[in-house]
Full PDB file with SEQRES, HELIX, SHEET, SSBOND, CRYST1, ORIGX, SCALE, CONECT and MASTER records, all heavy atoms in Angstrom:
SEQRES   1 A   43  LYS ALA VAL ARG PRO GLU LEU ALA GLY ASP PRO GLU PHE          
SEQRES   2 A   43  ARG TYR ARG PHE VAL GLN GLU VAL ALA ASN ALA ARG ARG          
SEQRES   3 A   43  ILE ARG GLY LEU TYR THR ALA GLU VAL VAL ASP ALA GLY          
SEQRES   4 A   43  PRO ASP ALA PRO                                              
HELIX    1 AA1 PRO A    5  ALA A    8  1                                   4    
HELIX    2 AA2 PRO A   11  ALA A   24  1                                  14    
CRYST1    1.000    1.000    1.000  90.00  90.00  90.00 P 1           1          
ORIGX1      1.000000  0.000000  0.000000        0.00000                         
ORIGX2      0.000000  1.000000  0.000000        0.00000                         
ORIGX3      0.000000  0.000000  1.000000        0.00000                         
SCALE1      1.000000  0.000000  0.000000        0.00000                         
SCALE2      0.000000  1.000000  0.000000        0.00000                         
SCALE3      0.000000  0.000000  1.000000        0.00000                         
ATOM      1  N   LYS A   1      66.320  87.499 100.438  1.00  0.00           N  
ATOM      2  CA  LYS A   1      67.133  86.297 100.692  1.00  0.00           C  
ATOM      3  C   LYS A   1      67.567  86.337 102.158  1.00  0.00           C  
ATOM      4  O   LYS A   1      68.226  87.344 102.534  1.00  0.00           O  
ATOM      5  CB  LYS A   1      68.295  86.276  99.773  1.00  0.00           C  
ATOM      6  CG  LYS A   1      67.879  86.250  98.312  1.00  0.00           C  
ATOM      7  CD  LYS A   1      68.889  86.879  97.433  1.00  0.00           C  
ATOM      8  CE  LYS A   1      68.288  87.352  96.104  1.00  0.00           C  
ATOM      9  NZ  LYS A   1      67.267  88.419  96.262  1.00  0.00           N  
ATOM     10  N   ALA A   2      67.293  85.326 102.900  1.00  0.00           N  
ATOM     11  CA  ALA A   2      67.708  85.273 104.316  1.00  0.00           C  
ATOM     12  C   ALA A   2      68.739  84.142 104.473  1.00  0.00           C  
ATOM     13  O   ALA A   2      68.542  83.025 103.970  1.00  0.00           O  
ATOM     14  CB  ALA A   2      66.456  84.982 105.182  1.00  0.00           C  
ATOM     15  N   VAL A   3      69.809  84.462 105.172  1.00  0.00           N  
ATOM     16  CA  VAL A   3      70.993  83.554 105.262  1.00  0.00           C  
ATOM     17  C   VAL A   3      70.721  82.488 106.254  1.00  0.00           C  
ATOM     18  O   VAL A   3      70.048  82.674 107.281  1.00  0.00           O  
ATOM     19  CB  VAL A   3      72.194  84.396 105.636  1.00  0.00           C  
ATOM     20  CG1 VAL A   3      73.391  83.526 106.004  1.00  0.00           C  
ATOM     21  CG2 VAL A   3      72.578  85.389 104.527  1.00  0.00           C  
ATOM     22  N   ARG A   4      71.213  81.299 105.974  1.00  0.00           N  
ATOM     23  CA  ARG A   4      71.119  80.125 106.899  1.00  0.00           C  
ATOM     24  C   ARG A   4      71.829  80.499 108.242  1.00  0.00           C  
ATOM     25  O   ARG A   4      72.883  81.167 108.259  1.00  0.00           O  
ATOM     26  CB  ARG A   4      71.784  78.866 106.326  1.00  0.00           C  
ATOM     27  CG  ARG A   4      71.150  78.406 105.072  1.00  0.00           C  
ATOM     28  CD  ARG A   4      71.587  76.882 104.778  1.00  0.00           C  
ATOM     29  NE  ARG A   4      72.925  76.631 105.212  1.00  0.00           N  
ATOM     30  CZ  ARG A   4      73.970  76.536 104.369  1.00  0.00           C  
ATOM     31  NH1 ARG A   4      73.800  76.782 103.119  1.00  0.00           N  
ATOM     32  NH2 ARG A   4      75.100  76.164 104.868  1.00  0.00           N  
ATOM     33  N   PRO A   5      71.244  79.983 109.392  1.00  0.00           N  
ATOM     34  CA  PRO A   5      71.868  80.300 110.701  1.00  0.00           C  
ATOM     35  C   PRO A   5      73.298  79.904 110.759  1.00  0.00           C  
ATOM     36  O   PRO A   5      74.117  80.633 111.379  1.00  0.00           O  
ATOM     37  CB  PRO A   5      70.986  79.474 111.676  1.00  0.00           C  
ATOM     38  CG  PRO A   5      69.695  79.312 110.957  1.00  0.00           C  
ATOM     39  CD  PRO A   5      70.031  79.196 109.507  1.00  0.00           C  
ATOM     40  N   GLU A   6      73.749  78.785 110.215  1.00  0.00           N  
ATOM     41  CA  GLU A   6      75.098  78.305 110.376  1.00  0.00           C  
ATOM     42  C   GLU A   6      76.056  79.248 109.665  1.00  0.00           C  
ATOM     43  O   GLU A   6      77.202  79.460 110.060  1.00  0.00           O  
ATOM     44  CB  GLU A   6      75.327  76.896 109.894  1.00  0.00           C  
ATOM     45  CG  GLU A   6      74.941  76.615 108.418  1.00  0.00           C  
ATOM     46  CD  GLU A   6      73.471  76.167 108.288  1.00  0.00           C  
ATOM     47  OE1 GLU A   6      72.601  76.623 109.101  1.00  0.00           O  
ATOM     48  OE2 GLU A   6      73.193  75.353 107.403  1.00  0.00           O  
ATOM     49  N   LEU A   7      75.629  79.839 108.523  1.00  0.00           N  
ATOM     50  CA  LEU A   7      76.407  80.849 107.863  1.00  0.00           C  
ATOM     51  C   LEU A   7      76.433  82.149 108.603  1.00  0.00           C  
ATOM     52  O   LEU A   7      77.447  82.865 108.686  1.00  0.00           O  
ATOM     53  CB  LEU A   7      75.897  81.086 106.429  1.00  0.00           C  
ATOM     54  CG  LEU A   7      76.161  79.929 105.430  1.00  0.00           C  
ATOM     55  CD1 LEU A   7      75.476  80.266 104.124  1.00  0.00           C  
ATOM     56  CD2 LEU A   7      77.658  79.780 105.194  1.00  0.00           C  
ATOM     57  N   ALA A   8      75.284  82.512 109.127  1.00  0.00           N  
ATOM     58  CA  ALA A   8      75.222  83.782 109.926  1.00  0.00           C  
ATOM     59  C   ALA A   8      76.138  83.771 111.058  1.00  0.00           C  
ATOM     60  O   ALA A   8      76.629  84.848 111.530  1.00  0.00           O  
ATOM     61  CB  ALA A   8      73.782  83.994 110.402  1.00  0.00           C  
ATOM     62  N   GLY A   9      76.491  82.585 111.635  1.00  0.00           N  
ATOM     63  CA  GLY A   9      77.426  82.514 112.750  1.00  0.00           C  
ATOM     64  C   GLY A   9      78.852  82.339 112.343  1.00  0.00           C  
ATOM     65  O   GLY A   9      79.736  82.240 113.257  1.00  0.00           O  
ATOM     66  N   ASP A  10      79.164  82.434 111.052  1.00  0.00           N  
ATOM     67  CA  ASP A  10      80.538  82.258 110.544  1.00  0.00           C  
ATOM     68  C   ASP A  10      81.152  83.677 110.337  1.00  0.00           C  
ATOM     69  O   ASP A  10      80.700  84.388 109.419  1.00  0.00           O  
ATOM     70  CB  ASP A  10      80.575  81.444 109.331  1.00  0.00           C  
ATOM     71  CG  ASP A  10      81.940  81.106 108.865  1.00  0.00           C  
ATOM     72  OD1 ASP A  10      82.783  82.066 108.735  1.00  0.00           O  
ATOM     73  OD2 ASP A  10      82.218  79.909 108.574  1.00  0.00           O  
ATOM     74  N   PRO A  11      82.153  84.036 111.096  1.00  0.00           N  
ATOM     75  CA  PRO A  11      82.758  85.425 110.905  1.00  0.00           C  
ATOM     76  C   PRO A  11      83.270  85.687 109.541  1.00  0.00           C  
ATOM     77  O   PRO A  11      83.133  86.781 109.011  1.00  0.00           O  
ATOM     78  CB  PRO A  11      83.820  85.504 111.968  1.00  0.00           C  
ATOM     79  CG  PRO A  11      83.468  84.426 112.965  1.00  0.00           C  
ATOM     80  CD  PRO A  11      82.757  83.358 112.194  1.00  0.00           C  
ATOM     81  N   GLU A  12      83.850  84.635 108.888  1.00  0.00           N  
ATOM     82  CA  GLU A  12      84.365  84.825 107.570  1.00  0.00           C  
ATOM     83  C   GLU A  12      83.281  85.051 106.518  1.00  0.00           C  
ATOM     84  O   GLU A  12      83.424  85.916 105.712  1.00  0.00           O  
ATOM     85  CB  GLU A  12      85.144  83.543 107.138  1.00  0.00           C  
ATOM     86  CG  GLU A  12      85.682  83.527 105.712  1.00  0.00           C  
ATOM     87  CD  GLU A  12      86.806  84.567 105.500  1.00  0.00           C  
ATOM     88  OE1 GLU A  12      87.319  85.091 106.419  1.00  0.00           O  
ATOM     89  OE2 GLU A  12      87.122  84.783 104.307  1.00  0.00           O  
ATOM     90  N   PHE A  13      82.154  84.351 106.733  1.00  0.00           N  
ATOM     91  CA  PHE A  13      81.049  84.593 105.836  1.00  0.00           C  
ATOM     92  C   PHE A  13      80.529  85.994 106.050  1.00  0.00           C  
ATOM     93  O   PHE A  13      80.259  86.734 105.035  1.00  0.00           O  
ATOM     94  CB  PHE A  13      79.894  83.623 106.097  1.00  0.00           C  
ATOM     95  CG  PHE A  13      78.623  84.007 105.390  1.00  0.00           C  
ATOM     96  CD1 PHE A  13      78.430  83.779 104.096  1.00  0.00           C  
ATOM     97  CD2 PHE A  13      77.648  84.740 106.073  1.00  0.00           C  
ATOM     98  CE1 PHE A  13      77.252  84.231 103.450  1.00  0.00           C  
ATOM     99  CE2 PHE A  13      76.493  85.196 105.471  1.00  0.00           C  
ATOM    100  CZ  PHE A  13      76.311  84.883 104.145  1.00  0.00           C  
ATOM    101  N   ARG A  14      80.351  86.447 107.247  1.00  0.00           N  
ATOM    102  CA  ARG A  14      79.840  87.814 107.461  1.00  0.00           C  
ATOM    103  C   ARG A  14      80.729  88.912 106.847  1.00  0.00           C  
ATOM    104  O   ARG A  14      80.190  89.844 106.263  1.00  0.00           O  
ATOM    105  CB  ARG A  14      79.671  88.055 109.001  1.00  0.00           C  
ATOM    106  CG  ARG A  14      78.424  87.387 109.571  1.00  0.00           C  
ATOM    107  CD  ARG A  14      78.143  87.908 111.000  1.00  0.00           C  
ATOM    108  NE  ARG A  14      76.873  87.473 111.524  1.00  0.00           N  
ATOM    109  CZ  ARG A  14      75.740  88.213 111.346  1.00  0.00           C  
ATOM    110  NH1 ARG A  14      75.808  89.389 110.747  1.00  0.00           N  
ATOM    111  NH2 ARG A  14      74.589  87.772 111.791  1.00  0.00           N  
ATOM    112  N   TYR A  15      81.977  88.723 107.021  1.00  0.00           N  
ATOM    113  CA  TYR A  15      82.914  89.662 106.343  1.00  0.00           C  
ATOM    114  C   TYR A  15      82.744  89.677 104.890  1.00  0.00           C  
ATOM    115  O   TYR A  15      82.657  90.826 104.311  1.00  0.00           O  
ATOM    116  CB  TYR A  15      84.353  89.253 106.752  1.00  0.00           C  
ATOM    117  CG  TYR A  15      85.422  90.058 106.033  1.00  0.00           C  
ATOM    118  CD1 TYR A  15      85.730  91.374 106.417  1.00  0.00           C  
ATOM    119  CD2 TYR A  15      86.138  89.552 104.998  1.00  0.00           C  
ATOM    120  CE1 TYR A  15      86.643  92.091 105.762  1.00  0.00           C  
ATOM    121  CE2 TYR A  15      87.121  90.238 104.301  1.00  0.00           C  
ATOM    122  CZ  TYR A  15      87.387  91.545 104.685  1.00  0.00           C  
ATOM    123  OH  TYR A  15      88.329  92.345 104.101  1.00  0.00           O  
ATOM    124  N   ARG A  16      82.672  88.562 104.272  1.00  0.00           N  
ATOM    125  CA  ARG A  16      82.549  88.514 102.823  1.00  0.00           C  
ATOM    126  C   ARG A  16      81.191  88.992 102.385  1.00  0.00           C  
ATOM    127  O   ARG A  16      81.002  89.631 101.332  1.00  0.00           O  
ATOM    128  CB  ARG A  16      82.789  87.054 102.285  1.00  0.00           C  
ATOM    129  CG  ARG A  16      84.238  86.633 102.429  1.00  0.00           C  
ATOM    130  CD  ARG A  16      84.476  85.271 101.884  1.00  0.00           C  
ATOM    131  NE  ARG A  16      85.874  84.825 101.915  1.00  0.00           N  
ATOM    132  CZ  ARG A  16      86.806  85.150 101.074  1.00  0.00           C  
ATOM    133  NH1 ARG A  16      86.474  85.777  99.963  1.00  0.00           N  
ATOM    134  NH2 ARG A  16      88.037  84.719 101.205  1.00  0.00           N  
ATOM    135  N   PHE A  17      80.198  88.646 103.146  1.00  0.00           N  
ATOM    136  CA  PHE A  17      78.830  89.080 102.783  1.00  0.00           C  
ATOM    137  C   PHE A  17      78.694  90.591 102.820  1.00  0.00           C  
ATOM    138  O   PHE A  17      78.077  91.176 101.907  1.00  0.00           O  
ATOM    139  CB  PHE A  17      77.813  88.525 103.779  1.00  0.00           C  
ATOM    140  CG  PHE A  17      76.394  88.726 103.452  1.00  0.00           C  
ATOM    141  CD1 PHE A  17      75.760  88.113 102.368  1.00  0.00           C  
ATOM    142  CD2 PHE A  17      75.554  89.605 104.147  1.00  0.00           C  
ATOM    143  CE1 PHE A  17      74.463  88.258 102.040  1.00  0.00           C  
ATOM    144  CE2 PHE A  17      74.257  89.826 103.840  1.00  0.00           C  
ATOM    145  CZ  PHE A  17      73.694  89.169 102.761  1.00  0.00           C  
ATOM    146  N   VAL A  18      79.285  91.236 103.801  1.00  0.00           N  
ATOM    147  CA  VAL A  18      79.279  92.749 103.874  1.00  0.00           C  
ATOM    148  C   VAL A  18      79.959  93.284 102.590  1.00  0.00           C  
ATOM    149  O   VAL A  18      79.452  94.242 102.014  1.00  0.00           O  
ATOM    150  CB  VAL A  18      79.953  93.237 105.098  1.00  0.00           C  
ATOM    151  CG1 VAL A  18      80.208  94.785 105.054  1.00  0.00           C  
ATOM    152  CG2 VAL A  18      79.161  92.938 106.392  1.00  0.00           C  
ATOM    153  N   GLN A  19      81.048  92.718 102.198  1.00  0.00           N  
ATOM    154  CA  GLN A  19      81.809  93.167 101.007  1.00  0.00           C  
ATOM    155  C   GLN A  19      80.938  93.000  99.780  1.00  0.00           C  
ATOM    156  O   GLN A  19      80.874  93.884  98.909  1.00  0.00           O  
ATOM    157  CB  GLN A  19      83.100  92.428 100.876  1.00  0.00           C  
ATOM    158  CG  GLN A  19      84.154  92.786 101.896  1.00  0.00           C  
ATOM    159  CD  GLN A  19      85.505  92.120 101.568  1.00  0.00           C  
ATOM    160  OE1 GLN A  19      85.492  90.936 101.312  1.00  0.00           O  
ATOM    161  NE2 GLN A  19      86.529  92.871 101.638  1.00  0.00           N  
ATOM    162  N   GLU A  20      80.334  91.846  99.608  1.00  0.00           N  
ATOM    163  CA  GLU A  20      79.563  91.538  98.409  1.00  0.00           C  
ATOM    164  C   GLU A  20      78.305  92.386  98.308  1.00  0.00           C  
ATOM    165  O   GLU A  20      77.934  92.847  97.211  1.00  0.00           O  
ATOM    166  CB  GLU A  20      79.201  89.993  98.353  1.00  0.00           C  
ATOM    167  CG  GLU A  20      80.345  89.060  98.265  1.00  0.00           C  
ATOM    168  CD  GLU A  20      81.079  89.101  96.897  1.00  0.00           C  
ATOM    169  OE1 GLU A  20      80.676  89.859  96.050  1.00  0.00           O  
ATOM    170  OE2 GLU A  20      82.044  88.378  96.777  1.00  0.00           O  
ATOM    171  N   VAL A  21      77.688  92.636  99.443  1.00  0.00           N  
ATOM    172  CA  VAL A  21      76.492  93.496  99.443  1.00  0.00           C  
ATOM    173  C   VAL A  21      76.890  94.925  99.019  1.00  0.00           C  
ATOM    174  O   VAL A  21      76.262  95.567  98.163  1.00  0.00           O  
ATOM    175  CB  VAL A  21      75.841  93.534 100.778  1.00  0.00           C  
ATOM    176  CG1 VAL A  21      74.831  94.686 100.943  1.00  0.00           C  
ATOM    177  CG2 VAL A  21      75.135  92.207 101.049  1.00  0.00           C  
ATOM    178  N   ALA A  22      78.048  95.445  99.518  1.00  0.00           N  
ATOM    179  CA  ALA A  22      78.494  96.792  99.145  1.00  0.00           C  
ATOM    180  C   ALA A  22      78.820  96.833  97.707  1.00  0.00           C  
ATOM    181  O   ALA A  22      78.459  97.876  97.008  1.00  0.00           O  
ATOM    182  CB  ALA A  22      79.748  97.071 100.008  1.00  0.00           C  
ATOM    183  N   ASN A  23      79.418  95.834  97.156  1.00  0.00           N  
ATOM    184  CA  ASN A  23      79.700  95.783  95.688  1.00  0.00           C  
ATOM    185  C   ASN A  23      78.375  95.797  94.881  1.00  0.00           C  
ATOM    186  O   ASN A  23      78.230  96.567  93.963  1.00  0.00           O  
ATOM    187  CB  ASN A  23      80.541  94.552  95.280  1.00  0.00           C  
ATOM    188  CG  ASN A  23      81.943  94.674  95.778  1.00  0.00           C  
ATOM    189  OD1 ASN A  23      82.456  95.744  96.081  1.00  0.00           O  
ATOM    190  ND2 ASN A  23      82.570  93.515  95.994  1.00  0.00           N  
ATOM    191  N   ALA A  24      77.476  94.929  95.274  1.00  0.00           N  
ATOM    192  CA  ALA A  24      76.231  94.730  94.519  1.00  0.00           C  
ATOM    193  C   ALA A  24      75.347  96.004  94.564  1.00  0.00           C  
ATOM    194  O   ALA A  24      74.686  96.328  93.602  1.00  0.00           O  
ATOM    195  CB  ALA A  24      75.422  93.520  95.046  1.00  0.00           C  
ATOM    196  N   ARG A  25      75.395  96.739  95.640  1.00  0.00           N  
ATOM    197  CA  ARG A  25      74.541  97.937  95.812  1.00  0.00           C  
ATOM    198  C   ARG A  25      75.042  99.052  94.873  1.00  0.00           C  
ATOM    199  O   ARG A  25      74.307  99.914  94.550  1.00  0.00           O  
ATOM    200  CB  ARG A  25      74.567  98.457  97.217  1.00  0.00           C  
ATOM    201  CG  ARG A  25      73.869  97.480  98.160  1.00  0.00           C  
ATOM    202  CD  ARG A  25      73.696  97.998  99.564  1.00  0.00           C  
ATOM    203  NE  ARG A  25      72.498  98.847  99.680  1.00  0.00           N  
ATOM    204  CZ  ARG A  25      71.894  99.054 100.821  1.00  0.00           C  
ATOM    205  NH1 ARG A  25      72.291  98.526 101.948  1.00  0.00           N  
ATOM    206  NH2 ARG A  25      70.858  99.802 100.881  1.00  0.00           N  
ATOM    207  N   ARG A  26      76.280  98.999  94.281  1.00  0.00           N  
ATOM    208  CA  ARG A  26      76.737  99.957  93.407  1.00  0.00           C  
ATOM    209  C   ARG A  26      76.253  99.751  92.010  1.00  0.00           C  
ATOM    210  O   ARG A  26      76.319 100.596  91.113  1.00  0.00           O  
ATOM    211  CB  ARG A  26      78.249 100.022  93.372  1.00  0.00           C  
ATOM    212  CG  ARG A  26      78.935 100.382  94.709  1.00  0.00           C  
ATOM    213  CD  ARG A  26      80.412 100.812  94.440  1.00  0.00           C  
ATOM    214  NE  ARG A  26      81.163  99.849  93.821  1.00  0.00           N  
ATOM    215  CZ  ARG A  26      81.838  98.831  94.402  1.00  0.00           C  
ATOM    216  NH1 ARG A  26      81.832  98.785  95.772  1.00  0.00           N  
ATOM    217  NH2 ARG A  26      82.581  97.978  93.754  1.00  0.00           N  
ATOM    218  N   ILE A  27      75.730  98.544  91.709  1.00  0.00           N  
ATOM    219  CA  ILE A  27      75.349  98.182  90.395  1.00  0.00           C  
ATOM    220  C   ILE A  27      73.971  98.754  90.090  1.00  0.00           C  
ATOM    221  O   ILE A  27      72.991  98.441  90.744  1.00  0.00           O  
ATOM    222  CB  ILE A  27      75.317  96.621  90.208  1.00  0.00           C  
ATOM    223  CG1 ILE A  27      76.770  96.136  90.404  1.00  0.00           C  
ATOM    224  CG2 ILE A  27      74.800  96.275  88.824  1.00  0.00           C  
ATOM    225  CD1 ILE A  27      76.849  94.640  90.482  1.00  0.00           C  
ATOM    226  N   ARG A  28      73.813  99.544  88.994  1.00  0.00           N  
ATOM    227  CA  ARG A  28      72.603 100.059  88.470  1.00  0.00           C  
ATOM    228  C   ARG A  28      72.492  99.772  87.038  1.00  0.00           C  
ATOM    229  O   ARG A  28      73.390 100.109  86.279  1.00  0.00           O  
ATOM    230  CB  ARG A  28      72.515 101.517  88.735  1.00  0.00           C  
ATOM    231  CG  ARG A  28      72.561 101.952  90.246  1.00  0.00           C  
ATOM    232  CD  ARG A  28      71.150 101.595  90.923  1.00  0.00           C  
ATOM    233  NE  ARG A  28      71.207 102.054  92.307  1.00  0.00           N  
ATOM    234  CZ  ARG A  28      71.573 101.332  93.336  1.00  0.00           C  
ATOM    235  NH1 ARG A  28      72.155 100.165  93.093  1.00  0.00           N  
ATOM    236  NH2 ARG A  28      71.496 101.826  94.548  1.00  0.00           N  
ATOM    237  N   GLY A  29      71.364  99.183  86.625  1.00  0.00           N  
ATOM    238  CA  GLY A  29      71.254  98.846  85.196  1.00  0.00           C  
ATOM    239  C   GLY A  29      69.877  98.340  84.829  1.00  0.00           C  
ATOM    240  O   GLY A  29      69.231  97.683  85.682  1.00  0.00           O  
ATOM    241  N   LEU A  30      69.362  98.711  83.677  1.00  0.00           N  
ATOM    242  CA  LEU A  30      68.039  98.295  83.283  1.00  0.00           C  
ATOM    243  C   LEU A  30      67.960  96.759  83.077  1.00  0.00           C  
ATOM    244  O   LEU A  30      66.821  96.221  83.116  1.00  0.00           O  
ATOM    245  CB  LEU A  30      67.639  98.961  81.971  1.00  0.00           C  
ATOM    246  CG  LEU A  30      67.477 100.542  82.075  1.00  0.00           C  
ATOM    247  CD1 LEU A  30      67.187 101.125  80.655  1.00  0.00           C  
ATOM    248  CD2 LEU A  30      66.407 100.881  83.059  1.00  0.00           C  
ATOM    249  N   TYR A  31      69.082  96.115  82.864  1.00  0.00           N  
ATOM    250  CA  TYR A  31      69.012  94.703  82.602  1.00  0.00           C  
ATOM    251  C   TYR A  31      69.586  93.878  83.780  1.00  0.00           C  
ATOM    252  O   TYR A  31      70.014  92.784  83.653  1.00  0.00           O  
ATOM    253  CB  TYR A  31      69.760  94.340  81.342  1.00  0.00           C  
ATOM    254  CG  TYR A  31      69.151  94.977  80.137  1.00  0.00           C  
ATOM    255  CD1 TYR A  31      69.798  95.998  79.448  1.00  0.00           C  
ATOM    256  CD2 TYR A  31      67.899  94.590  79.713  1.00  0.00           C  
ATOM    257  CE1 TYR A  31      69.204  96.593  78.279  1.00  0.00           C  
ATOM    258  CE2 TYR A  31      67.268  95.168  78.541  1.00  0.00           C  
ATOM    259  CZ  TYR A  31      67.949  96.187  77.914  1.00  0.00           C  
ATOM    260  OH  TYR A  31      67.346  96.781  76.826  1.00  0.00           O  
ATOM    261  N   THR A  32      69.468  94.461  84.970  1.00  0.00           N  
ATOM    262  CA  THR A  32      69.875  93.733  86.210  1.00  0.00           C  
ATOM    263  C   THR A  32      68.715  93.842  87.183  1.00  0.00           C  
ATOM    264  O   THR A  32      67.876  94.735  87.113  1.00  0.00           O  
ATOM    265  CB  THR A  32      71.149  94.302  86.889  1.00  0.00           C  
ATOM    266  OG1 THR A  32      70.872  95.719  87.296  1.00  0.00           O  
ATOM    267  CG2 THR A  32      72.289  94.289  85.936  1.00  0.00           C  
ATOM    268  N   ALA A  33      68.658  92.843  88.126  1.00  0.00           N  
ATOM    269  CA  ALA A  33      67.731  92.907  89.236  1.00  0.00           C  
ATOM    270  C   ALA A  33      68.449  93.572  90.405  1.00  0.00           C  
ATOM    271  O   ALA A  33      69.278  92.948  91.122  1.00  0.00           O  
ATOM    272  CB  ALA A  33      67.203  91.507  89.627  1.00  0.00           C  
ATOM    273  N   GLU A  34      68.191  94.831  90.584  1.00  0.00           N  
ATOM    274  CA  GLU A  34      69.048  95.661  91.508  1.00  0.00           C  
ATOM    275  C   GLU A  34      68.794  95.308  92.996  1.00  0.00           C  
ATOM    276  O   GLU A  34      67.668  94.897  93.349  1.00  0.00           O  
ATOM    277  CB  GLU A  34      68.739  97.128  91.346  1.00  0.00           C  
ATOM    278  CG  GLU A  34      69.183  97.657  89.939  1.00  0.00           C  
ATOM    279  CD  GLU A  34      68.947  99.101  89.757  1.00  0.00           C  
ATOM    280  OE1 GLU A  34      68.578  99.753  90.753  1.00  0.00           O  
ATOM    281  OE2 GLU A  34      69.204  99.627  88.693  1.00  0.00           O  
ATOM    282  N   VAL A  35      69.825  95.491  93.729  1.00  0.00           N  
ATOM    283  CA  VAL A  35      69.677  95.388  95.240  1.00  0.00           C  
ATOM    284  C   VAL A  35      68.951  96.616  95.680  1.00  0.00           C  
ATOM    285  O   VAL A  35      69.366  97.755  95.383  1.00  0.00           O  
ATOM    286  CB  VAL A  35      71.051  95.298  95.862  1.00  0.00           C  
ATOM    287  CG1 VAL A  35      70.993  95.328  97.409  1.00  0.00           C  
ATOM    288  CG2 VAL A  35      71.798  94.009  95.449  1.00  0.00           C  
ATOM    289  N   VAL A  36      67.909  96.390  96.490  1.00  0.00           N  
ATOM    290  CA  VAL A  36      67.138  97.572  96.963  1.00  0.00           C  
ATOM    291  C   VAL A  36      67.320  97.809  98.481  1.00  0.00           C  
ATOM    292  O   VAL A  36      67.124  98.905  98.981  1.00  0.00           O  
ATOM    293  CB  VAL A  36      65.610  97.443  96.682  1.00  0.00           C  
ATOM    294  CG1 VAL A  36      65.389  97.404  95.162  1.00  0.00           C  
ATOM    295  CG2 VAL A  36      65.039  96.157  97.251  1.00  0.00           C  
ATOM    296  N   ASP A  37      67.750  96.790  99.189  1.00  0.00           N  
ATOM    297  CA  ASP A  37      67.967  96.928 100.628  1.00  0.00           C  
ATOM    298  C   ASP A  37      68.719  95.682 101.157  1.00  0.00           C  
ATOM    299  O   ASP A  37      68.778  94.698 100.495  1.00  0.00           O  
ATOM    300  CB  ASP A  37      66.620  97.073 101.358  1.00  0.00           C  
ATOM    301  CG  ASP A  37      66.659  97.700 102.753  1.00  0.00           C  
ATOM    302  OD1 ASP A  37      67.784  98.069 103.142  1.00  0.00           O  
ATOM    303  OD2 ASP A  37      65.656  97.843 103.383  1.00  0.00           O  
ATOM    304  N   ALA A  38      69.285  95.839 102.317  1.00  0.00           N  
ATOM    305  CA  ALA A  38      70.074  94.752 102.893  1.00  0.00           C  
ATOM    306  C   ALA A  38      70.240  94.943 104.376  1.00  0.00           C  
ATOM    307  O   ALA A  38      70.195  96.059 104.862  1.00  0.00           O  
ATOM    308  CB  ALA A  38      71.384  94.560 102.217  1.00  0.00           C  
ATOM    309  N   GLY A  39      70.376  93.835 105.066  1.00  0.00           N  
ATOM    310  CA  GLY A  39      70.774  93.874 106.514  1.00  0.00           C  
ATOM    311  C   GLY A  39      71.922  92.974 106.785  1.00  0.00           C  
ATOM    312  O   GLY A  39      71.845  91.907 107.388  1.00  0.00           O  
ATOM    313  N   PRO A  40      73.106  93.416 106.277  1.00  0.00           N  
ATOM    314  CA  PRO A  40      74.300  92.498 106.415  1.00  0.00           C  
ATOM    315  C   PRO A  40      74.734  92.294 107.881  1.00  0.00           C  
ATOM    316  O   PRO A  40      75.376  91.340 108.237  1.00  0.00           O  
ATOM    317  CB  PRO A  40      75.386  93.244 105.595  1.00  0.00           C  
ATOM    318  CG  PRO A  40      74.960  94.636 105.606  1.00  0.00           C  
ATOM    319  CD  PRO A  40      73.421  94.638 105.625  1.00  0.00           C  
ATOM    320  N   ASP A  41      74.362  93.205 108.793  1.00  0.00           N  
ATOM    321  CA  ASP A  41      74.791  93.122 110.171  1.00  0.00           C  
ATOM    322  C   ASP A  41      73.634  92.588 111.085  1.00  0.00           C  
ATOM    323  O   ASP A  41      73.815  92.561 112.299  1.00  0.00           O  
ATOM    324  CB  ASP A  41      75.232  94.497 110.706  1.00  0.00           C  
ATOM    325  CG  ASP A  41      76.419  95.078 109.899  1.00  0.00           C  
ATOM    326  OD1 ASP A  41      77.328  94.198 109.599  1.00  0.00           O  
ATOM    327  OD2 ASP A  41      76.425  96.208 109.634  1.00  0.00           O  
ATOM    328  N   ALA A  42      72.538  92.200 110.528  1.00  0.00           N  
ATOM    329  CA  ALA A  42      71.406  91.690 111.308  1.00  0.00           C  
ATOM    330  C   ALA A  42      71.746  90.320 111.864  1.00  0.00           C  
ATOM    331  O   ALA A  42      72.662  89.657 111.349  1.00  0.00           O  
ATOM    332  CB  ALA A  42      70.143  91.581 110.427  1.00  0.00           C  
ATOM    333  N   PRO A  43      71.148  89.907 112.946  1.00  0.00           N  
ATOM    334  CA  PRO A  43      71.376  88.545 113.496  1.00  0.00           C  
ATOM    335  C   PRO A  43      71.241  87.492 112.407  1.00  0.00           C  
ATOM    336  O   PRO A  43      72.031  86.560 112.333  1.00  0.00           O  
ATOM    337  CB  PRO A  43      70.298  88.373 114.577  1.00  0.00           C  
ATOM    338  CG  PRO A  43      70.012  89.809 115.061  1.00  0.00           C  
ATOM    339  CD  PRO A  43      70.134  90.669 113.773  1.00  0.00           C  
TER     340      PRO A  43                                                      
MASTER        0    0    0    2    0    0    0    6  339    1    0    4          
END                                                                             
């Protein structure tokens, strides 16, 4: 999933995105589609 440019330029979105990615990466389960990688600080 690649974020829209207008969201990528929003500091509030970036802050929340980093938090949500960190939360999601902790989730492990056979009945979830796990997060395998992320670039929250990428352009």
